N, C-alpha and C. Protein backbone atom coordinates (compact mmCIF):
# COMPACT_ATOMS: atom_id res chain seq x y z
N MET A 1 9.36 15.41 0.40
CA MET A 1 8.95 15.73 1.76
C MET A 1 9.34 14.60 2.70
N SER A 2 9.88 14.97 3.86
CA SER A 2 10.29 13.99 4.86
C SER A 2 9.47 14.13 6.13
N ASN A 3 9.29 13.01 6.80
CA ASN A 3 8.69 13.03 8.14
C ASN A 3 9.81 13.15 9.16
N VAL A 4 9.67 14.10 10.07
CA VAL A 4 10.72 14.38 11.04
C VAL A 4 10.14 14.26 12.45
N LEU A 5 10.87 13.62 13.34
CA LEU A 5 10.47 13.51 14.74
C LEU A 5 11.59 14.04 15.63
N VAL A 6 11.24 14.96 16.52
CA VAL A 6 12.19 15.43 17.53
C VAL A 6 11.71 14.94 18.89
N ILE A 7 12.64 14.36 19.64
CA ILE A 7 12.33 13.83 20.96
C ILE A 7 12.99 14.73 22.00
N ALA A 8 12.17 15.31 22.87
CA ALA A 8 12.65 16.24 23.88
C ALA A 8 12.42 15.65 25.28
N PRO A 9 13.46 15.46 26.06
CA PRO A 9 13.25 15.02 27.44
C PRO A 9 12.33 15.97 28.20
N HIS A 10 12.52 17.28 27.94
CA HIS A 10 11.70 18.31 28.57
C HIS A 10 11.31 19.33 27.49
N ALA A 11 10.14 19.92 27.65
CA ALA A 11 9.77 21.00 26.74
C ALA A 11 10.78 22.13 26.89
N ASP A 12 11.37 22.51 25.84
CA ASP A 12 12.41 23.53 25.59
C ASP A 12 13.68 22.91 25.02
N ASP A 13 13.91 21.60 25.27
CA ASP A 13 15.10 20.94 24.71
C ASP A 13 15.06 20.97 23.18
N GLU A 14 13.85 20.82 22.61
CA GLU A 14 13.72 20.82 21.16
C GLU A 14 14.17 22.15 20.56
N THR A 15 13.90 23.24 21.26
CA THR A 15 14.27 24.57 20.75
C THR A 15 15.74 24.85 20.98
N LEU A 16 16.23 24.57 22.17
CA LEU A 16 17.64 24.78 22.45
C LEU A 16 18.52 23.91 21.54
N GLY A 17 18.09 22.66 21.32
CA GLY A 17 18.94 21.73 20.58
C GLY A 17 18.85 21.84 19.08
N CYS A 18 17.64 22.04 18.54
CA CYS A 18 17.51 22.03 17.08
C CYS A 18 16.37 22.90 16.59
N GLY A 19 16.07 23.96 17.31
CA GLY A 19 14.97 24.83 16.91
C GLY A 19 15.10 25.42 15.53
N GLY A 20 16.30 25.89 15.20
CA GLY A 20 16.52 26.46 13.86
C GLY A 20 16.36 25.42 12.77
N THR A 21 16.85 24.23 13.03
CA THR A 21 16.75 23.14 12.05
C THR A 21 15.30 22.71 11.85
N LEU A 22 14.52 22.67 12.93
CA LEU A 22 13.10 22.34 12.82
C LEU A 22 12.36 23.38 11.99
N LEU A 23 12.69 24.64 12.19
CA LEU A 23 12.06 25.71 11.40
C LEU A 23 12.45 25.57 9.93
N ARG A 24 13.69 25.20 9.68
CA ARG A 24 14.13 25.00 8.30
C ARG A 24 13.39 23.82 7.66
N HIS A 25 13.23 22.74 8.40
CA HIS A 25 12.46 21.60 7.89
C HIS A 25 11.06 22.05 7.48
N ALA A 26 10.41 22.81 8.35
CA ALA A 26 9.05 23.26 8.06
C ALA A 26 9.01 24.13 6.82
N SER A 27 10.00 25.01 6.68
CA SER A 27 10.03 25.91 5.53
C SER A 27 10.25 25.17 4.22
N GLU A 28 10.86 24.00 4.31
CA GLU A 28 11.14 23.19 3.13
C GLU A 28 10.04 22.17 2.86
N GLY A 29 8.96 22.25 3.61
CA GLY A 29 7.80 21.40 3.35
C GLY A 29 7.78 20.07 4.08
N ASP A 30 8.73 19.85 4.98
CA ASP A 30 8.74 18.60 5.73
C ASP A 30 7.68 18.64 6.84
N GLU A 31 7.19 17.47 7.22
CA GLU A 31 6.24 17.37 8.32
C GLU A 31 7.00 17.01 9.59
N THR A 32 6.79 17.81 10.63
CA THR A 32 7.52 17.60 11.87
C THR A 32 6.58 17.22 13.01
N SER A 33 7.05 16.32 13.86
CA SER A 33 6.31 15.90 15.05
C SER A 33 7.20 16.06 16.27
N TRP A 34 6.56 16.22 17.43
CA TRP A 34 7.26 16.54 18.67
C TRP A 34 6.82 15.58 19.76
N LEU A 35 7.79 14.89 20.36
CA LEU A 35 7.53 14.02 21.50
C LEU A 35 8.19 14.61 22.72
N ILE A 36 7.39 14.99 23.72
CA ILE A 36 7.89 15.52 24.98
C ILE A 36 7.79 14.39 26.00
N MET A 37 8.91 13.98 26.54
CA MET A 37 8.92 12.78 27.38
C MET A 37 8.45 13.02 28.80
N THR A 38 8.72 14.20 29.37
CA THR A 38 8.38 14.43 30.77
C THR A 38 7.57 15.70 30.95
N ASP A 39 6.87 15.76 32.08
CA ASP A 39 6.05 16.93 32.42
C ASP A 39 6.32 17.33 33.86
N ALA A 40 6.03 18.60 34.16
CA ALA A 40 6.06 19.06 35.55
C ALA A 40 4.92 18.37 36.30
N ASP A 41 5.19 18.04 37.55
CA ASP A 41 4.20 17.30 38.34
C ASP A 41 4.09 17.93 39.73
N GLU A 42 2.86 18.00 40.23
CA GLU A 42 2.64 18.59 41.56
C GLU A 42 3.44 17.86 42.64
N SER A 43 3.60 16.55 42.48
CA SER A 43 4.30 15.77 43.49
C SER A 43 5.76 16.17 43.63
N LEU A 44 6.27 16.88 42.62
CA LEU A 44 7.66 17.34 42.65
C LEU A 44 7.76 18.79 43.08
N GLY A 45 6.66 19.36 43.51
CA GLY A 45 6.68 20.72 44.02
C GLY A 45 6.28 21.80 43.04
N TYR A 46 5.86 21.42 41.83
CA TYR A 46 5.41 22.42 40.86
C TYR A 46 3.98 22.85 41.18
N SER A 47 3.73 24.13 41.11
CA SER A 47 2.41 24.66 41.42
C SER A 47 1.45 24.44 40.26
N ASN A 48 0.16 24.51 40.56
CA ASN A 48 -0.85 24.41 39.50
C ASN A 48 -0.69 25.53 38.49
N ASP A 49 -0.34 26.72 38.97
CA ASP A 49 -0.16 27.86 38.08
C ASP A 49 0.99 27.60 37.11
N PHE A 50 2.09 27.04 37.63
CA PHE A 50 3.24 26.74 36.75
C PHE A 50 2.86 25.70 35.71
N ILE A 51 2.17 24.65 36.15
CA ILE A 51 1.80 23.57 35.23
C ILE A 51 0.88 24.09 34.14
N LYS A 52 -0.10 24.92 34.51
CA LYS A 52 -1.00 25.49 33.51
C LYS A 52 -0.25 26.40 32.55
N ARG A 53 0.65 27.23 33.10
CA ARG A 53 1.43 28.12 32.24
C ARG A 53 2.30 27.33 31.27
N ARG A 54 2.89 26.25 31.75
CA ARG A 54 3.74 25.44 30.87
C ARG A 54 2.92 24.80 29.74
N GLU A 55 1.71 24.36 30.05
CA GLU A 55 0.85 23.80 29.00
C GLU A 55 0.51 24.84 27.95
N ASP A 56 0.25 26.07 28.39
CA ASP A 56 -0.01 27.15 27.43
C ASP A 56 1.24 27.43 26.59
N GLU A 57 2.40 27.38 27.22
CA GLU A 57 3.66 27.62 26.49
C GLU A 57 3.86 26.55 25.43
N ILE A 58 3.59 25.30 25.78
CA ILE A 58 3.76 24.20 24.83
C ILE A 58 2.86 24.39 23.62
N LYS A 59 1.61 24.81 23.86
CA LYS A 59 0.69 25.06 22.75
C LYS A 59 1.21 26.17 21.84
N ASN A 60 1.72 27.24 22.45
CA ASN A 60 2.23 28.36 21.65
C ASN A 60 3.47 27.97 20.87
N VAL A 61 4.35 27.22 21.51
CA VAL A 61 5.57 26.76 20.83
C VAL A 61 5.21 25.86 19.66
N ALA A 62 4.28 24.94 19.87
CA ALA A 62 3.86 24.02 18.81
C ALA A 62 3.32 24.77 17.60
N SER A 63 2.58 25.84 17.85
CA SER A 63 2.02 26.60 16.73
C SER A 63 3.11 27.34 15.98
N MET A 64 4.15 27.76 16.68
CA MET A 64 5.26 28.47 16.02
C MET A 64 6.04 27.54 15.09
N TYR A 65 6.15 26.27 15.49
CA TYR A 65 6.86 25.30 14.65
C TYR A 65 5.93 24.65 13.62
N ASN A 66 4.65 24.81 13.80
CA ASN A 66 3.66 24.17 12.93
C ASN A 66 3.83 22.65 12.94
N PHE A 67 3.98 22.09 14.16
CA PHE A 67 4.10 20.64 14.29
C PHE A 67 2.82 19.96 13.82
N LYS A 68 2.98 18.86 13.09
CA LYS A 68 1.83 18.08 12.67
C LYS A 68 1.24 17.33 13.85
N ASN A 69 2.11 16.80 14.72
CA ASN A 69 1.67 16.02 15.87
C ASN A 69 2.46 16.43 17.11
N ILE A 70 1.80 16.36 18.25
CA ILE A 70 2.47 16.52 19.54
C ILE A 70 2.13 15.30 20.39
N PHE A 71 3.15 14.65 20.92
CA PHE A 71 2.96 13.47 21.75
C PHE A 71 3.57 13.72 23.13
N ARG A 72 3.02 13.05 24.12
CA ARG A 72 3.51 13.21 25.49
C ARG A 72 3.86 11.85 26.08
N GLY A 73 5.05 11.78 26.67
CA GLY A 73 5.43 10.55 27.35
C GLY A 73 4.72 10.41 28.70
N ASN A 74 4.37 11.57 29.28
CA ASN A 74 3.62 11.61 30.55
C ASN A 74 4.39 11.07 31.74
N PHE A 75 5.73 11.13 31.67
CA PHE A 75 6.54 10.79 32.83
C PHE A 75 6.86 12.08 33.59
N ALA A 76 7.03 11.98 34.89
CA ALA A 76 7.38 13.15 35.69
C ALA A 76 8.84 13.52 35.45
N THR A 77 9.09 14.82 35.27
CA THR A 77 10.45 15.26 35.02
C THR A 77 11.38 14.89 36.18
N THR A 78 12.62 14.60 35.84
CA THR A 78 13.70 14.22 36.76
C THR A 78 13.53 12.82 37.36
N THR A 79 12.56 12.05 36.87
CA THR A 79 12.32 10.73 37.48
C THR A 79 12.57 9.56 36.53
N LEU A 80 13.07 9.80 35.34
CA LEU A 80 13.22 8.71 34.38
C LEU A 80 14.15 7.61 34.88
N ASP A 81 15.08 7.98 35.78
CA ASP A 81 15.98 6.96 36.33
C ASP A 81 15.27 6.01 37.28
N THR A 82 14.01 6.32 37.62
CA THR A 82 13.23 5.44 38.50
C THR A 82 12.19 4.63 37.73
N ILE A 83 12.10 4.86 36.42
CA ILE A 83 11.09 4.20 35.59
C ILE A 83 11.72 2.99 34.90
N PRO A 84 11.03 1.85 34.86
CA PRO A 84 11.57 0.70 34.11
C PRO A 84 11.86 1.09 32.66
N MET A 85 13.02 0.72 32.17
CA MET A 85 13.41 1.10 30.81
C MET A 85 12.40 0.59 29.79
N ASN A 86 11.81 -0.57 30.03
CA ASN A 86 10.82 -1.10 29.10
C ASN A 86 9.64 -0.15 28.91
N ASP A 87 9.26 0.55 29.97
CA ASP A 87 8.14 1.50 29.88
C ASP A 87 8.52 2.71 29.03
N ILE A 88 9.74 3.17 29.19
CA ILE A 88 10.19 4.33 28.41
C ILE A 88 10.30 3.94 26.93
N VAL A 89 10.87 2.77 26.68
CA VAL A 89 11.00 2.28 25.31
C VAL A 89 9.63 2.13 24.66
N ALA A 90 8.68 1.57 25.38
CA ALA A 90 7.34 1.36 24.83
C ALA A 90 6.69 2.69 24.47
N SER A 91 6.89 3.70 25.31
CA SER A 91 6.31 5.02 25.04
C SER A 91 6.87 5.62 23.76
N ILE A 92 8.17 5.52 23.58
CA ILE A 92 8.80 6.05 22.37
C ILE A 92 8.44 5.22 21.15
N SER A 93 8.47 3.90 21.31
CA SER A 93 8.19 3.01 20.19
C SER A 93 6.81 3.25 19.60
N ALA A 94 5.83 3.52 20.46
CA ALA A 94 4.47 3.76 19.99
C ALA A 94 4.41 4.99 19.09
N VAL A 95 5.14 6.01 19.47
CA VAL A 95 5.16 7.25 18.67
C VAL A 95 5.91 7.04 17.37
N VAL A 96 7.06 6.38 17.44
CA VAL A 96 7.84 6.12 16.23
C VAL A 96 7.03 5.27 15.25
N SER A 97 6.33 4.27 15.75
CA SER A 97 5.53 3.40 14.89
C SER A 97 4.38 4.16 14.24
N GLU A 98 3.80 5.11 14.97
CA GLU A 98 2.68 5.87 14.44
C GLU A 98 3.13 6.91 13.41
N THR A 99 4.20 7.63 13.70
CA THR A 99 4.61 8.74 12.82
C THR A 99 5.50 8.28 11.67
N LYS A 100 6.17 7.15 11.85
CA LYS A 100 7.08 6.62 10.83
C LYS A 100 8.05 7.69 10.31
N PRO A 101 8.85 8.26 11.19
CA PRO A 101 9.77 9.32 10.76
C PRO A 101 10.93 8.78 9.95
N GLU A 102 11.33 9.55 8.98
CA GLU A 102 12.55 9.23 8.23
C GLU A 102 13.77 9.84 8.91
N ILE A 103 13.55 10.95 9.63
CA ILE A 103 14.63 11.65 10.31
C ILE A 103 14.25 11.82 11.77
N ILE A 104 15.18 11.50 12.66
CA ILE A 104 14.94 11.64 14.10
C ILE A 104 16.03 12.50 14.72
N TYR A 105 15.61 13.41 15.59
CA TYR A 105 16.54 14.20 16.40
C TYR A 105 16.35 13.81 17.86
N MET A 106 17.44 13.52 18.56
CA MET A 106 17.36 13.02 19.93
C MET A 106 18.47 13.64 20.78
N PRO A 107 18.33 13.63 22.10
CA PRO A 107 19.33 14.27 22.97
C PRO A 107 20.61 13.45 23.06
N ASN A 108 21.63 14.09 23.55
CA ASN A 108 22.94 13.47 23.70
C ASN A 108 23.00 12.62 24.97
N ARG A 109 23.58 11.44 24.86
CA ARG A 109 23.61 10.52 26.00
C ARG A 109 24.42 11.06 27.17
N GLY A 110 25.45 11.82 26.89
CA GLY A 110 26.34 12.28 27.95
C GLY A 110 25.93 13.57 28.62
N ASP A 111 24.73 14.07 28.33
CA ASP A 111 24.29 15.33 28.93
C ASP A 111 24.26 15.24 30.45
N ALA A 112 24.35 16.40 31.10
CA ALA A 112 24.39 16.45 32.56
C ALA A 112 23.11 15.93 33.19
N HIS A 113 21.96 16.17 32.56
CA HIS A 113 20.67 15.76 33.11
C HIS A 113 20.42 14.29 32.81
N THR A 114 20.13 13.51 33.83
CA THR A 114 19.94 12.07 33.63
C THR A 114 18.72 11.75 32.77
N ASP A 115 17.71 12.62 32.75
CA ASP A 115 16.57 12.39 31.86
C ASP A 115 17.03 12.26 30.41
N HIS A 116 18.02 13.06 30.01
CA HIS A 116 18.54 13.01 28.65
C HIS A 116 19.19 11.66 28.38
N THR A 117 19.92 11.17 29.35
CA THR A 117 20.60 9.88 29.20
C THR A 117 19.60 8.75 29.00
N TYR A 118 18.54 8.74 29.79
CA TYR A 118 17.56 7.66 29.71
C TYR A 118 16.73 7.74 28.42
N VAL A 119 16.45 8.96 27.97
CA VAL A 119 15.74 9.10 26.70
C VAL A 119 16.61 8.59 25.56
N TYR A 120 17.89 8.92 25.58
CA TYR A 120 18.81 8.43 24.54
C TYR A 120 18.84 6.89 24.53
N ASP A 121 19.01 6.29 25.69
CA ASP A 121 19.12 4.83 25.75
C ASP A 121 17.84 4.16 25.27
N ALA A 122 16.70 4.71 25.65
CA ALA A 122 15.43 4.14 25.21
C ALA A 122 15.24 4.34 23.70
N MET A 123 15.60 5.53 23.22
CA MET A 123 15.46 5.81 21.79
C MET A 123 16.35 4.90 20.95
N ALA A 124 17.52 4.59 21.47
CA ALA A 124 18.44 3.72 20.73
C ALA A 124 17.79 2.38 20.41
N SER A 125 16.90 1.92 21.28
CA SER A 125 16.20 0.65 21.04
C SER A 125 15.14 0.78 19.96
N CYS A 126 14.79 2.02 19.62
CA CYS A 126 13.72 2.27 18.64
C CYS A 126 14.26 2.70 17.29
N THR A 127 15.50 2.36 17.01
CA THR A 127 16.09 2.70 15.72
C THR A 127 16.55 1.45 14.96
N LYS A 128 16.14 0.29 15.43
CA LYS A 128 16.56 -0.95 14.78
C LYS A 128 15.89 -1.07 13.42
N SER A 129 16.70 -1.28 12.40
CA SER A 129 16.20 -1.26 11.02
C SER A 129 15.19 -2.37 10.74
N PHE A 130 15.33 -3.52 11.41
CA PHE A 130 14.41 -4.62 11.12
C PHE A 130 13.03 -4.38 11.75
N ARG A 131 12.93 -3.44 12.68
CA ARG A 131 11.64 -3.10 13.28
C ARG A 131 11.11 -1.76 12.80
N TYR A 132 12.01 -0.86 12.44
CA TYR A 132 11.61 0.48 12.02
C TYR A 132 12.33 0.83 10.71
N PRO A 133 12.02 0.13 9.63
CA PRO A 133 12.77 0.28 8.38
C PRO A 133 12.62 1.66 7.73
N PHE A 134 11.64 2.43 8.15
CA PHE A 134 11.39 3.75 7.57
C PHE A 134 12.39 4.79 8.07
N ILE A 135 13.07 4.53 9.19
CA ILE A 135 14.03 5.49 9.72
C ILE A 135 15.30 5.48 8.85
N LYS A 136 15.64 6.63 8.31
CA LYS A 136 16.80 6.73 7.43
C LYS A 136 17.96 7.51 8.05
N LYS A 137 17.65 8.37 9.02
CA LYS A 137 18.73 9.19 9.60
C LYS A 137 18.39 9.49 11.06
N VAL A 138 19.39 9.28 11.93
CA VAL A 138 19.24 9.59 13.35
C VAL A 138 20.37 10.52 13.75
N MET A 139 19.99 11.66 14.34
CA MET A 139 20.99 12.65 14.72
C MET A 139 20.79 13.08 16.17
N VAL A 140 21.90 13.32 16.84
CA VAL A 140 21.92 13.77 18.23
C VAL A 140 22.14 15.28 18.25
N TYR A 141 21.33 15.98 19.05
CA TYR A 141 21.52 17.42 19.18
C TYR A 141 22.20 17.75 20.51
N GLU A 142 22.76 18.95 20.57
CA GLU A 142 23.38 19.41 21.81
C GLU A 142 22.48 20.45 22.45
N THR A 143 22.36 20.38 23.76
CA THR A 143 21.46 21.25 24.50
C THR A 143 22.24 22.18 25.40
N ILE A 144 22.13 23.47 25.16
CA ILE A 144 22.81 24.46 26.00
C ILE A 144 22.41 24.25 27.46
N SER A 145 23.38 24.23 28.34
CA SER A 145 23.27 24.05 29.79
C SER A 145 23.18 22.58 30.18
N GLU A 146 23.20 21.68 29.22
CA GLU A 146 23.23 20.25 29.52
C GLU A 146 24.43 19.56 28.86
N THR A 147 24.52 19.65 27.53
CA THR A 147 25.64 19.02 26.82
C THR A 147 26.96 19.66 27.22
N ASP A 148 26.97 20.99 27.31
CA ASP A 148 28.21 21.71 27.61
C ASP A 148 28.59 21.68 29.10
N PHE A 149 27.68 21.23 29.96
CA PHE A 149 27.97 21.15 31.38
C PHE A 149 28.21 19.72 31.85
N SER A 150 28.26 18.79 30.92
CA SER A 150 28.47 17.40 31.30
C SER A 150 29.90 17.18 31.78
N ILE A 151 30.04 16.35 32.83
CA ILE A 151 31.37 15.96 33.30
C ILE A 151 31.53 14.44 33.21
N LYS A 152 30.68 13.82 32.38
CA LYS A 152 30.75 12.37 32.20
C LYS A 152 31.85 12.06 31.19
N ASP A 153 33.07 12.15 31.64
CA ASP A 153 34.23 12.02 30.77
C ASP A 153 34.22 10.68 30.03
N GLY A 154 34.25 10.77 28.70
CA GLY A 154 34.34 9.57 27.87
C GLY A 154 33.02 8.88 27.63
N VAL A 155 31.92 9.38 28.24
CA VAL A 155 30.61 8.77 28.06
C VAL A 155 29.71 9.73 27.32
N GLY A 156 29.38 9.39 26.09
CA GLY A 156 28.48 10.24 25.33
C GLY A 156 29.05 11.59 24.99
N PHE A 157 30.36 11.66 24.79
CA PHE A 157 30.99 12.93 24.46
C PHE A 157 30.48 13.41 23.10
N PHE A 158 30.02 14.66 23.05
CA PHE A 158 29.42 15.18 21.82
C PHE A 158 30.51 15.59 20.82
N LYS A 159 30.52 14.92 19.66
CA LYS A 159 31.49 15.20 18.60
C LYS A 159 30.71 15.48 17.32
N PRO A 160 30.44 16.75 17.01
CA PRO A 160 29.60 17.08 15.86
C PRO A 160 30.24 16.70 14.54
N ASN A 161 29.41 16.22 13.62
CA ASN A 161 29.89 15.93 12.27
C ASN A 161 28.90 16.40 11.20
N ILE A 162 27.85 17.08 11.63
CA ILE A 162 26.90 17.70 10.70
C ILE A 162 26.58 19.10 11.22
N TRP A 163 26.61 20.07 10.31
CA TRP A 163 26.28 21.45 10.65
C TRP A 163 25.16 21.91 9.72
N VAL A 164 24.13 22.51 10.30
CA VAL A 164 22.98 22.98 9.54
C VAL A 164 22.94 24.51 9.59
N ASP A 165 22.87 25.13 8.43
CA ASP A 165 22.78 26.58 8.34
C ASP A 165 21.40 27.04 8.83
N ILE A 166 21.38 27.79 9.94
CA ILE A 166 20.11 28.30 10.46
C ILE A 166 20.10 29.83 10.46
N SER A 167 20.90 30.42 9.60
CA SER A 167 21.03 31.88 9.58
C SER A 167 19.69 32.57 9.40
N GLU A 168 18.80 31.99 8.61
CA GLU A 168 17.50 32.60 8.36
C GLU A 168 16.50 32.36 9.49
N TYR A 169 16.87 31.49 10.43
CA TYR A 169 15.89 31.05 11.42
C TYR A 169 16.30 31.34 12.86
N LEU A 170 17.48 31.88 13.07
CA LEU A 170 17.95 32.09 14.44
C LEU A 170 17.05 33.05 15.21
N HIS A 171 16.66 34.14 14.57
CA HIS A 171 15.82 35.12 15.26
C HIS A 171 14.53 34.47 15.75
N LYS A 172 13.90 33.66 14.92
CA LYS A 172 12.65 33.01 15.32
C LYS A 172 12.91 31.95 16.39
N LYS A 173 14.04 31.27 16.32
CA LYS A 173 14.39 30.30 17.36
C LYS A 173 14.43 30.99 18.72
N ILE A 174 15.08 32.13 18.78
CA ILE A 174 15.18 32.87 20.04
C ILE A 174 13.80 33.37 20.47
N GLU A 175 13.00 33.79 19.52
CA GLU A 175 11.63 34.24 19.81
C GLU A 175 10.81 33.10 20.42
N ILE A 176 10.99 31.90 19.88
CA ILE A 176 10.27 30.74 20.42
C ILE A 176 10.78 30.41 21.81
N MET A 177 12.07 30.45 22.00
CA MET A 177 12.64 30.15 23.32
C MET A 177 12.11 31.10 24.37
N ALA A 178 11.86 32.34 23.99
CA ALA A 178 11.36 33.35 24.92
C ALA A 178 9.93 33.05 25.40
N ILE A 179 9.24 32.16 24.68
CA ILE A 179 7.89 31.77 25.11
C ILE A 179 7.95 31.03 26.44
N TYR A 180 9.04 30.30 26.65
CA TYR A 180 9.20 29.56 27.90
C TYR A 180 9.57 30.52 29.03
N GLU A 181 8.55 31.02 29.71
CA GLU A 181 8.75 32.01 30.76
C GLU A 181 9.62 31.43 31.88
N GLY A 182 10.65 32.15 32.22
CA GLY A 182 11.52 31.72 33.30
C GLY A 182 12.71 30.90 32.84
N GLU A 183 12.72 30.45 31.59
CA GLU A 183 13.84 29.64 31.10
C GLU A 183 14.98 30.50 30.56
N LEU A 184 14.65 31.69 30.08
CA LEU A 184 15.67 32.62 29.61
C LEU A 184 15.99 33.62 30.71
N LYS A 185 17.28 33.82 30.94
CA LYS A 185 17.72 34.81 31.93
C LYS A 185 18.88 35.61 31.33
N SER A 186 19.35 36.59 32.07
CA SER A 186 20.40 37.47 31.57
C SER A 186 21.75 36.77 31.52
N HIS A 187 22.55 37.12 30.53
CA HIS A 187 23.93 36.65 30.43
C HIS A 187 24.69 37.05 31.70
N PRO A 188 25.52 36.15 32.26
CA PRO A 188 26.09 34.94 31.66
C PRO A 188 25.33 33.65 31.93
N PHE A 189 24.06 33.71 32.30
CA PHE A 189 23.28 32.48 32.41
C PHE A 189 23.31 31.77 31.06
N PRO A 190 23.52 30.43 31.04
CA PRO A 190 23.70 29.72 29.76
C PRO A 190 22.53 29.89 28.80
N ARG A 191 21.30 29.85 29.33
CA ARG A 191 20.13 29.99 28.48
C ARG A 191 19.71 31.47 28.43
N SER A 192 20.56 32.25 27.81
CA SER A 192 20.28 33.67 27.58
C SER A 192 20.22 33.90 26.07
N LYS A 193 19.52 34.94 25.67
CA LYS A 193 19.46 35.27 24.25
C LYS A 193 20.87 35.49 23.69
N LYS A 194 21.68 36.15 24.47
CA LYS A 194 23.05 36.45 24.03
C LYS A 194 23.84 35.16 23.81
N ASN A 195 23.70 34.21 24.72
CA ASN A 195 24.48 32.98 24.59
C ASN A 195 23.95 32.08 23.48
N ILE A 196 22.62 32.05 23.30
CA ILE A 196 22.07 31.26 22.20
C ILE A 196 22.59 31.77 20.87
N GLU A 197 22.61 33.08 20.72
CA GLU A 197 23.14 33.67 19.48
C GLU A 197 24.63 33.42 19.35
N ALA A 198 25.36 33.57 20.46
CA ALA A 198 26.81 33.36 20.44
C ALA A 198 27.16 31.91 20.09
N PHE A 199 26.38 30.98 20.63
CA PHE A 199 26.65 29.56 20.36
C PHE A 199 26.38 29.24 18.90
N ALA A 200 25.30 29.80 18.36
CA ALA A 200 25.00 29.60 16.94
C ALA A 200 26.07 30.23 16.07
N SER A 201 26.59 31.36 16.51
CA SER A 201 27.67 32.02 15.78
C SER A 201 28.94 31.16 15.81
N TYR A 202 29.23 30.58 16.97
CA TYR A 202 30.40 29.70 17.09
C TYR A 202 30.28 28.50 16.18
N ARG A 203 29.13 27.84 16.18
CA ARG A 203 28.95 26.70 15.29
C ARG A 203 28.98 27.14 13.82
N GLY A 204 28.52 28.35 13.56
CA GLY A 204 28.62 28.87 12.20
C GLY A 204 30.06 29.11 11.80
N SER A 205 30.87 29.58 12.74
CA SER A 205 32.26 29.90 12.42
C SER A 205 33.09 28.67 12.08
N THR A 206 32.63 27.49 12.53
CA THR A 206 33.36 26.26 12.21
C THR A 206 32.81 25.56 10.99
N SER A 207 31.81 26.20 10.34
CA SER A 207 31.19 25.56 9.18
C SER A 207 31.02 26.49 7.98
N GLY A 208 31.41 27.75 8.15
CA GLY A 208 31.30 28.69 7.04
C GLY A 208 29.94 29.35 6.93
N PHE A 209 29.07 29.15 7.92
CA PHE A 209 27.76 29.80 7.94
C PHE A 209 27.78 30.95 8.94
N GLU A 210 26.82 31.85 8.79
CA GLU A 210 26.72 32.91 9.78
C GLU A 210 26.28 32.33 11.12
N TYR A 211 25.22 31.52 11.08
CA TYR A 211 24.73 30.84 12.28
C TYR A 211 24.42 29.39 11.93
N ALA A 212 24.72 28.49 12.86
CA ALA A 212 24.49 27.06 12.58
C ALA A 212 24.14 26.32 13.85
N GLU A 213 23.53 25.15 13.66
CA GLU A 213 23.35 24.16 14.72
C GLU A 213 24.16 22.93 14.32
N ALA A 214 24.77 22.30 15.30
CA ALA A 214 25.62 21.14 15.03
C ALA A 214 24.97 19.87 15.58
N PHE A 215 25.21 18.78 14.89
CA PHE A 215 24.63 17.49 15.27
C PHE A 215 25.66 16.39 15.15
N MET A 216 25.38 15.31 15.82
CA MET A 216 26.22 14.12 15.71
C MET A 216 25.39 13.04 15.02
N LEU A 217 25.77 12.72 13.80
CA LEU A 217 25.08 11.68 13.05
C LEU A 217 25.48 10.33 13.61
N ILE A 218 24.48 9.55 14.05
CA ILE A 218 24.80 8.24 14.60
C ILE A 218 24.28 7.10 13.72
N LYS A 219 23.42 7.45 12.74
CA LYS A 219 22.95 6.40 11.84
C LYS A 219 22.39 7.05 10.58
N GLU A 220 22.76 6.49 9.41
CA GLU A 220 22.16 6.95 8.16
C GLU A 220 22.11 5.79 7.18
N LEU A 221 20.93 5.58 6.59
CA LEU A 221 20.75 4.55 5.58
C LEU A 221 20.54 5.24 4.24
N ILE A 222 21.36 4.90 3.30
CA ILE A 222 21.31 5.54 1.96
C ILE A 222 21.01 4.49 0.91
């Protein structure tokens, strides 16, 4: 059994990026934890109704994945570029130290959303072997509508080198994504049921699986 930690800049990144893989971990008896770095905030124009609905969605999503732990960074979404990096690092480090994950999933540095970039940079500081010797594998996931829309040429370009068979879990991944009201829309919107399935099919076609999620391995200790 392995301890697994997924770090999501925003609630839904975990599902878009590695939802099928998280479900597979759970089915194989691994313990999974979820760190959500940012939240909707009234100061940014989000209504109380939206904030309450999002909290309910997070609870429902967590139950679907059977997460052992849920942690919150409590930073306002879209504002990580205004937060001292030391504060972001400290928030992640506390969770990593508590959960002691052997496997970590994190966002891609070159994603279009700057929150993803700052989470990646902060997380990179929390993978040092002399401080976190329990971490054995760190993988970067790709997020539909962020990784594929990046124009940061040469910076954090996503080059997958690991493919995970999620053929048994794709339907449930899409079911979980549908919990996030307003995040799924009709094709050709990137976050559509059709595109999530098509993307998994594409990654499967390059790996010999029916459906797959792809990752970029950035560290592994054997």
